[in-house]
Amino acid sequence: MRLSLMTKYSIHVNSQITKRLWKYSVTGAISAACAWTSSVLLFHFLSINFIVSQALGFIVGIIVNYPLSRQWTFRNRYPRIVRQFWIFALIAGIGLGINELSLYIFVGMCHWSVPLGMLIGLGVAFIWNFSLNNFITFGLLKD
């Protein structure tokens, strides 16, 4: 059975996106662990307010996630790193807003359980972050 050029291209693209998606999941898990750990350490050991600690932890997560995503997940060599980082951070910040809005809708308005609301918010924000970083941050902004 012969595959058309379009089918071969589609299979290659889908395989490439799937590989990036798995790598992005790993970098996200590493970044989330760093963000959470730094938030807990700031709160428990330095007595920094929990909201401030969480915000600082989020920043740590972005700082950890960007080079991992750039070098390993997307293998990107765009020379204007500072510009690319700020686009990455903006997308992550909007993702955080999406996550919070999802919590408000599903927990605050629909009265679903907090863990379920968090899971939905995390999933929606993950799709947002991956899609925009794949197509804009590391797709359009390349070599």
C-alpha atoms as a PDB file:
ATOM      1  CA  MET A   1       0.000   0.000   0.000  1.00  0.00           C
ATOM      2  CA  ARG A   2       1.423   3.364  -1.025  1.00  0.00           C
ATOM      3  CA  LEU A   3       0.969   6.426   1.122  1.00  0.00           C
ATOM      4  CA  SER A   4       0.464   9.780  -0.501  1.00  0.00           C
ATOM      5  CA  LEU A   5       2.931  12.573   0.161  1.00  0.00           C
ATOM      6  CA  MET A   6       0.298  14.401   2.241  1.00  0.00           C
ATOM      7  CA  THR A   7      -0.340  11.305   4.386  1.00  0.00           C
ATOM      8  CA  LYS A   8       3.396  10.796   4.953  1.00  0.00           C
ATOM      9  CA  TYR A   9       3.760  14.463   5.928  1.00  0.00           C
ATOM     10  CA  SER A  10       0.757  14.230   8.261  1.00  0.00           C
ATOM     11  CA  ILE A  11       2.161  11.132   9.995  1.00  0.00           C
ATOM     12  CA  HIS A  12       5.552  12.838  10.403  1.00  0.00           C
ATOM     13  CA  VAL A  13       4.007  16.031  11.834  1.00  0.00           C
ATOM     14  CA  ASN A  14       1.752  14.094  14.218  1.00  0.00           C
ATOM     15  CA  SER A  15       4.718  12.006  15.383  1.00  0.00           C
ATOM     16  CA  GLN A  16       6.798  15.140  15.911  1.00  0.00           C
ATOM     17  CA  ILE A  17       4.030  16.886  17.880  1.00  0.00           C
ATOM     18  CA  THR A  18       3.445  13.778  20.001  1.00  0.00           C
ATOM     19  CA  LYS A  19       7.156  13.604  20.837  1.00  0.00           C
ATOM     20  CA  ARG A  20       7.195  17.305  21.758  1.00  0.00           C
ATOM     21  CA  LEU A  21       4.054  16.866  23.844  1.00  0.00           C
ATOM     22  CA  TRP A  22       5.674  14.123  25.924  1.00  0.00           C
ATOM     23  CA  LYS A  23       8.852  16.150  26.361  1.00  0.00           C
ATOM     24  CA  TYR A  24       6.796  19.222  27.284  1.00  0.00           C
ATOM     25  CA  SER A  25       5.002  17.118  29.906  1.00  0.00           C
ATOM     26  CA  VAL A  26       8.331  16.107  31.440  1.00  0.00           C
ATOM     27  CA  THR A  27       9.681  19.671  31.469  1.00  0.00           C
ATOM     28  CA  GLY A  28       6.373  20.829  32.937  1.00  0.00           C
ATOM     29  CA  ALA A  29       6.595  18.249  35.723  1.00  0.00           C
ATOM     30  CA  ILE A  30      10.174  19.272  36.528  1.00  0.00           C
ATOM     31  CA  SER A  31       9.217  22.954  36.506  1.00  0.00           C
ATOM     32  CA  ALA A  32       6.130  22.352  38.642  1.00  0.00           C
ATOM     33  CA  ALA A  33       8.231  20.443  41.189  1.00  0.00           C
ATOM     34  CA  CYS A  34      10.728  23.324  41.337  1.00  0.00           C
ATOM     35  CA  ALA A  35       7.931  25.904  41.642  1.00  0.00           C
ATOM     36  CA  TRP A  36       6.172  23.978  44.392  1.00  0.00           C
ATOM     37  CA  THR A  37       9.376  23.276  46.319  1.00  0.00           C
ATOM     38  CA  SER A  38      10.498  26.896  46.202  1.00  0.00           C
ATOM     39  CA  SER A  39       7.024  28.091  47.257  1.00  0.00           C
ATOM     40  CA  VAL A  40       7.002  25.736  50.249  1.00  0.00           C
ATOM     41  CA  LEU A  41      10.559  26.650  51.262  1.00  0.00           C
ATOM     42  CA  LEU A  42       9.827  30.389  51.040  1.00  0.00           C
ATOM     43  CA  PHE A  43       6.644  29.982  53.083  1.00  0.00           C
ATOM     44  CA  HIS A  44       7.884  27.578  55.777  1.00  0.00           C
ATOM     45  CA  PHE A  45      11.499  28.574  56.242  1.00  0.00           C
ATOM     46  CA  LEU A  46      11.563  32.265  55.350  1.00  0.00           C
ATOM     47  CA  SER A  47       8.022  33.024  56.608  1.00  0.00           C
ATOM     48  CA  ILE A  48       7.071  34.781  53.381  1.00  0.00           C
ATOM     49  CA  ASN A  49       3.328  35.228  52.874  1.00  0.00           C
ATOM     50  CA  PHE A  50       1.801  32.192  51.123  1.00  0.00           C
ATOM     51  CA  ILE A  51       0.427  34.247  48.214  1.00  0.00           C
ATOM     52  CA  VAL A  52       3.799  35.919  47.631  1.00  0.00           C
ATOM     53  CA  SER A  53       5.538  32.545  48.025  1.00  0.00           C
ATOM     54  CA  GLN A  54       3.259  31.005  45.412  1.00  0.00           C
ATOM     55  CA  ALA A  55       3.858  33.884  42.989  1.00  0.00           C
ATOM     56  CA  LEU A  56       7.633  33.613  43.446  1.00  0.00           C
ATOM     57  CA  GLY A  57       7.409  29.850  42.965  1.00  0.00           C
ATOM     58  CA  PHE A  58       5.525  30.417  39.708  1.00  0.00           C
ATOM     59  CA  ILE A  59       8.375  32.668  38.520  1.00  0.00           C
ATOM     60  CA  VAL A  60      10.914  29.990  39.467  1.00  0.00           C
ATOM     61  CA  GLY A  61       8.877  27.486  37.441  1.00  0.00           C
ATOM     62  CA  ILE A  62       8.989  29.740  34.362  1.00  0.00           C
ATOM     63  CA  ILE A  63      12.743  30.260  34.752  1.00  0.00           C
ATOM     64  CA  VAL A  64      13.308  26.487  34.970  1.00  0.00           C
ATOM     65  CA  ASN A  65      10.844  25.632  32.194  1.00  0.00           C
ATOM     66  CA  TYR A  66      12.104  28.052  29.535  1.00  0.00           C
ATOM     67  CA  PRO A  67      15.630  26.651  28.986  1.00  0.00           C
ATOM     68  CA  LEU A  68      14.385  23.053  29.215  1.00  0.00           C
ATOM     69  CA  SER A  69      11.691  23.769  26.630  1.00  0.00           C
ATOM     70  CA  ARG A  70      14.037  25.731  24.400  1.00  0.00           C
ATOM     71  CA  GLN A  71      16.927  23.259  24.410  1.00  0.00           C
ATOM     72  CA  TRP A  72      15.334  19.844  24.905  1.00  0.00           C
ATOM     73  CA  THR A  73      11.638  19.905  23.994  1.00  0.00           C
ATOM     74  CA  PHE A  74      11.672  22.182  20.953  1.00  0.00           C
ATOM     75  CA  ARG A  75      15.412  22.260  20.083  1.00  0.00           C
ATOM     76  CA  ASN A  76      15.134  25.941  19.265  1.00  0.00           C
ATOM     77  CA  ARG A  77      18.083  28.212  18.379  1.00  0.00           C
ATOM     78  CA  TYR A  78      16.341  31.594  17.983  1.00  0.00           C
ATOM     79  CA  PRO A  79      19.067  34.175  18.760  1.00  0.00           C
ATOM     80  CA  ARG A  80      16.875  36.783  20.524  1.00  0.00           C
ATOM     81  CA  ILE A  81      16.587  34.841  23.780  1.00  0.00           C
ATOM     82  CA  VAL A  82      15.338  37.725  25.946  1.00  0.00           C
ATOM     83  CA  ARG A  83      12.485  38.491  23.540  1.00  0.00           C
ATOM     84  CA  GLN A  84      11.590  34.818  23.296  1.00  0.00           C
ATOM     85  CA  PHE A  85      11.679  34.413  27.088  1.00  0.00           C
ATOM     86  CA  TRP A  86       9.220  37.286  27.599  1.00  0.00           C
ATOM     87  CA  ILE A  87       6.829  35.785  25.048  1.00  0.00           C
ATOM     88  CA  PHE A  88       7.160  32.445  26.848  1.00  0.00           C
ATOM     89  CA  ALA A  89       6.504  34.143  30.218  1.00  0.00           C
ATOM     90  CA  LEU A  90       3.486  36.024  28.836  1.00  0.00           C
ATOM     91  CA  ILE A  91       1.973  32.789  27.536  1.00  0.00           C
ATOM     92  CA  ALA A  92       2.606  31.148  30.927  1.00  0.00           C
ATOM     93  CA  GLY A  93       1.008  34.099  32.729  1.00  0.00           C
ATOM     94  CA  ILE A  94      -2.092  33.873  30.548  1.00  0.00           C
ATOM     95  CA  GLY A  95      -2.081  30.119  31.203  1.00  0.00           C
ATOM     96  CA  LEU A  96      -2.099  30.847  34.928  1.00  0.00           C
ATOM     97  CA  GLY A  97      -5.082  33.155  34.393  1.00  0.00           C
ATOM     98  CA  ILE A  98      -6.870  30.419  32.424  1.00  0.00           C
ATOM     99  CA  ASN A  99      -6.175  27.985  35.255  1.00  0.00           C
ATOM    100  CA  GLU A 100      -7.541  30.403  37.871  1.00  0.00           C
ATOM    101  CA  LEU A 101     -10.610  31.210  35.750  1.00  0.00           C
ATOM    102  CA  SER A 102     -11.305  27.493  35.352  1.00  0.00           C
ATOM    103  CA  LEU A 103     -11.149  27.077  39.129  1.00  0.00           C
ATOM    104  CA  TYR A 104     -13.534  29.968  39.611  1.00  0.00           C
ATOM    105  CA  ILE A 105     -16.005  28.585  37.073  1.00  0.00           C
ATOM    106  CA  PHE A 106     -15.942  24.910  38.042  1.00  0.00           C
ATOM    107  CA  VAL A 107     -15.477  25.222  41.801  1.00  0.00           C
ATOM    108  CA  GLY A 108     -16.900  28.649  42.606  1.00  0.00           C
ATOM    109  CA  MET A 109     -19.862  28.710  40.227  1.00  0.00           C
ATOM    110  CA  CYS A 110     -20.616  25.057  39.400  1.00  0.00           C
ATOM    111  CA  HIS A 111     -19.710  23.787  42.909  1.00  0.00           C
ATOM    112  CA  TRP A 112     -17.643  20.893  41.607  1.00  0.00           C
ATOM    113  CA  SER A 113     -14.916  19.470  43.834  1.00  0.00           C
ATOM    114  CA  VAL A 114     -11.691  21.457  44.178  1.00  0.00           C
ATOM    115  CA  PRO A 115      -9.437  18.618  42.904  1.00  0.00           C
ATOM    116  CA  LEU A 116     -11.632  18.169  39.825  1.00  0.00           C
ATOM    117  CA  GLY A 117     -11.655  21.919  39.166  1.00  0.00           C
ATOM    118  CA  MET A 118      -7.868  22.001  39.549  1.00  0.00           C
ATOM    119  CA  LEU A 119      -7.471  19.091  37.150  1.00  0.00           C
ATOM    120  CA  ILE A 120      -9.656  20.752  34.521  1.00  0.00           C
ATOM    121  CA  GLY A 121      -7.853  24.081  34.945  1.00  0.00           C
ATOM    122  CA  LEU A 122      -4.479  22.391  34.704  1.00  0.00           C
ATOM    123  CA  GLY A 123      -5.518  20.521  31.563  1.00  0.00           C
ATOM    124  CA  VAL A 124      -6.887  23.603  29.804  1.00  0.00           C
ATOM    125  CA  ALA A 125      -3.826  25.689  30.747  1.00  0.00           C
ATOM    126  CA  PHE A 126      -1.497  22.879  29.621  1.00  0.00           C
ATOM    127  CA  ILE A 127      -3.157  22.740  26.192  1.00  0.00           C
ATOM    128  CA  TRP A 128      -2.971  26.559  25.935  1.00  0.00           C
ATOM    129  CA  ASN A 129       0.703  26.697  26.951  1.00  0.00           C
ATOM    130  CA  PHE A 130       1.837  23.826  24.748  1.00  0.00           C
ATOM    131  CA  SER A 131      -0.087  24.994  21.689  1.00  0.00           C
ATOM    132  CA  LEU A 132       1.107  28.588  21.804  1.00  0.00           C
ATOM    133  CA  ASN A 133       4.691  27.699  22.677  1.00  0.00           C
ATOM    134  CA  ASN A 134       4.786  25.040  19.964  1.00  0.00           C
ATOM    135  CA  PHE A 135       3.432  27.312  17.237  1.00  0.00           C
ATOM    136  CA  ILE A 136       4.579  30.796  18.310  1.00  0.00           C
ATOM    137  CA  THR A 137       7.406  30.868  20.868  1.00  0.00           C
ATOM    138  CA  PHE A 138       9.357  27.960  19.407  1.00  0.00           C
ATOM    139  CA  GLY A 139       7.636  27.678  16.018  1.00  0.00           C
ATOM    140  CA  LEU A 140       7.547  31.134  14.484  1.00  0.00           C
ATOM    141  CA  LEU A 141      10.555  32.361  16.477  1.00  0.00           C
ATOM    142  CA  LYS A 142      13.299  30.078  15.253  1.00  0.00           C
ATOM    143  CA  ASP A 143      16.685  30.289  13.584  1.00  0.00           C
END
